[in-house]
Amino acid sequence: MIPTMILFGLAFGHWWRSTLVAAALIWPALMLASQVTTVEIGLLGAAGLGVANAAVGVLVHQTISRAIRGVRRPDPSPGGNCR
């Protein structure tokens, strides 16, 4: 189930703040729905792990996005922007 949250972060990494908040809610909900755990204090730890896993996906998304933007951005010429 861990790759689920990594893929979630990877897919929605553009909106990283919302993605991490959603991960804190979705991961415990998945744990409860699959009957892995019950409502207890460990569910807070599960929420933290869900955020950590989604953060890995967000980090990969952001890294790839910035690399693509860096390649697509033209190299400014020395005399290109004269005022």
C-alpha atoms as a PDB file:
ATOM      1  CA  MET A   1       0.000   0.000   0.000  1.00  0.00           C
ATOM      2  CA  ILE A   2       2.978   2.333   0.390  1.00  0.00           C
ATOM      3  CA  PRO A   3       3.407   2.757  -3.395  1.00  0.00           C
ATOM      4  CA  THR A   4      -0.165   4.045  -3.474  1.00  0.00           C
ATOM      5  CA  MET A   5       0.803   7.178  -1.589  1.00  0.00           C
ATOM      6  CA  ILE A   6       4.041   7.599  -3.528  1.00  0.00           C
ATOM      7  CA  LEU A   7       2.052   7.483  -6.776  1.00  0.00           C
ATOM      8  CA  PHE A   8      -0.487   9.892  -5.285  1.00  0.00           C
ATOM      9  CA  GLY A   9       2.314  12.358  -4.536  1.00  0.00           C
ATOM     10  CA  LEU A  10       3.833  11.794  -7.954  1.00  0.00           C
ATOM     11  CA  ALA A  11       0.531  12.403  -9.737  1.00  0.00           C
ATOM     12  CA  PHE A  12      -0.493  15.501  -7.775  1.00  0.00           C
ATOM     13  CA  GLY A  13       2.930  16.903  -6.896  1.00  0.00           C
ATOM     14  CA  HIS A  14       2.224  20.183  -8.663  1.00  0.00           C
ATOM     15  CA  TRP A  15      -0.152  21.078  -5.826  1.00  0.00           C
ATOM     16  CA  TRP A  16       2.221  19.861  -3.141  1.00  0.00           C
ATOM     17  CA  ARG A  17       0.610  21.525  -0.113  1.00  0.00           C
ATOM     18  CA  SER A  18      -2.853  20.191  -0.868  1.00  0.00           C
ATOM     19  CA  THR A  19      -1.387  16.804  -1.747  1.00  0.00           C
ATOM     20  CA  LEU A  20       0.349  16.463   1.614  1.00  0.00           C
ATOM     21  CA  VAL A  21      -2.780  17.520   3.510  1.00  0.00           C
ATOM     22  CA  ALA A  22      -4.872  15.058   1.503  1.00  0.00           C
ATOM     23  CA  ALA A  23      -2.316  12.317   2.174  1.00  0.00           C
ATOM     24  CA  ALA A  24      -2.688  12.900   5.902  1.00  0.00           C
ATOM     25  CA  LEU A  25      -6.393  12.192   5.514  1.00  0.00           C
ATOM     26  CA  ILE A  26      -6.422   9.555   2.766  1.00  0.00           C
ATOM     27  CA  TRP A  27      -3.785   7.183   4.159  1.00  0.00           C
ATOM     28  CA  PRO A  28      -5.511   6.621   7.518  1.00  0.00           C
ATOM     29  CA  ALA A  29      -8.832   6.264   5.679  1.00  0.00           C
ATOM     30  CA  LEU A  30      -7.282   3.544   3.493  1.00  0.00           C
ATOM     31  CA  MET A  31      -5.909   1.832   6.579  1.00  0.00           C
ATOM     32  CA  LEU A  32      -9.339   1.864   8.205  1.00  0.00           C
ATOM     33  CA  ALA A  33     -11.158   0.766   5.037  1.00  0.00           C
ATOM     34  CA  SER A  34      -8.831  -2.190   4.526  1.00  0.00           C
ATOM     35  CA  GLN A  35      -9.190  -3.087   8.228  1.00  0.00           C
ATOM     36  CA  VAL A  36      -5.438  -2.944   8.822  1.00  0.00           C
ATOM     37  CA  THR A  37      -5.978  -0.877  11.947  1.00  0.00           C
ATOM     38  CA  THR A  38      -8.738   0.524  14.115  1.00  0.00           C
ATOM     39  CA  VAL A  39      -9.257   4.037  15.416  1.00  0.00           C
ATOM     40  CA  GLU A  40      -6.428   4.392  17.921  1.00  0.00           C
ATOM     41  CA  ILE A  41      -3.332   6.478  18.590  1.00  0.00           C
ATOM     42  CA  GLY A  42      -1.355   4.512  15.987  1.00  0.00           C
ATOM     43  CA  LEU A  43      -3.553   6.055  13.329  1.00  0.00           C
ATOM     44  CA  LEU A  44      -1.736   9.369  13.863  1.00  0.00           C
ATOM     45  CA  GLY A  45       1.537   7.622  13.113  1.00  0.00           C
ATOM     46  CA  ALA A  46      -0.054   6.128  10.006  1.00  0.00           C
ATOM     47  CA  ALA A  47      -1.062   9.629   8.903  1.00  0.00           C
ATOM     48  CA  GLY A  48       2.558  10.766   9.333  1.00  0.00           C
ATOM     49  CA  LEU A  49       3.825   7.844   7.288  1.00  0.00           C
ATOM     50  CA  GLY A  50       1.257   8.585   4.586  1.00  0.00           C
ATOM     51  CA  VAL A  51       2.501  12.165   4.386  1.00  0.00           C
ATOM     52  CA  ALA A  52       6.125  10.978   4.270  1.00  0.00           C
ATOM     53  CA  ASN A  53       5.382   8.567   1.432  1.00  0.00           C
ATOM     54  CA  ALA A  54       3.433  11.184  -0.518  1.00  0.00           C
ATOM     55  CA  ALA A  55       6.283  13.644   0.067  1.00  0.00           C
ATOM     56  CA  VAL A  56       8.635  11.249  -1.720  1.00  0.00           C
ATOM     57  CA  GLY A  57       6.309  11.298  -4.730  1.00  0.00           C
ATOM     58  CA  VAL A  58       5.992  15.084  -4.554  1.00  0.00           C
ATOM     59  CA  LEU A  59       9.779  15.426  -4.411  1.00  0.00           C
ATOM     60  CA  VAL A  60      10.198  13.253  -7.517  1.00  0.00           C
ATOM     61  CA  HIS A  61       7.473  15.209  -9.316  1.00  0.00           C
ATOM     62  CA  GLN A  62       9.021  18.570  -8.422  1.00  0.00           C
ATOM     63  CA  THR A  63      12.503  17.402  -9.434  1.00  0.00           C
ATOM     64  CA  ILE A  64      11.317  16.180 -12.827  1.00  0.00           C
ATOM     65  CA  SER A  65       9.241  19.349 -13.348  1.00  0.00           C
ATOM     66  CA  ARG A  66      12.154  21.632 -12.602  1.00  0.00           C
ATOM     67  CA  ALA A  67      14.491  19.621 -14.819  1.00  0.00           C
ATOM     68  CA  ILE A  68      12.048  19.852 -17.723  1.00  0.00           C
ATOM     69  CA  ARG A  69      11.567  23.598 -17.174  1.00  0.00           C
ATOM     70  CA  GLY A  70      15.343  24.052 -17.119  1.00  0.00           C
ATOM     71  CA  VAL A  71      15.737  22.242 -20.438  1.00  0.00           C
ATOM     72  CA  ARG A  72      12.858  24.080 -22.106  1.00  0.00           C
ATOM     73  CA  ARG A  73      13.946  27.523 -20.929  1.00  0.00           C
ATOM     74  CA  PRO A  74      16.183  29.133 -23.573  1.00  0.00           C
ATOM     75  CA  ASP A  75      19.683  30.179 -22.583  1.00  0.00           C
ATOM     76  CA  PRO A  76      19.728  33.998 -22.535  1.00  0.00           C
ATOM     77  CA  SER A  77      22.240  35.499 -24.918  1.00  0.00           C
ATOM     78  CA  PRO A  78      24.558  38.251 -23.621  1.00  0.00           C
ATOM     79  CA  GLY A  79      22.989  40.976 -25.770  1.00  0.00           C
ATOM     80  CA  GLY A  80      19.448  39.617 -25.954  1.00  0.00           C
ATOM     81  CA  ASN A  81      17.733  41.931 -23.496  1.00  0.00           C
ATOM     82  CA  CYS A  82      19.131  45.401 -24.255  1.00  0.00           C
ATOM     83  CA  ARG A  83      17.261  48.337 -22.725  1.00  0.00           C
END
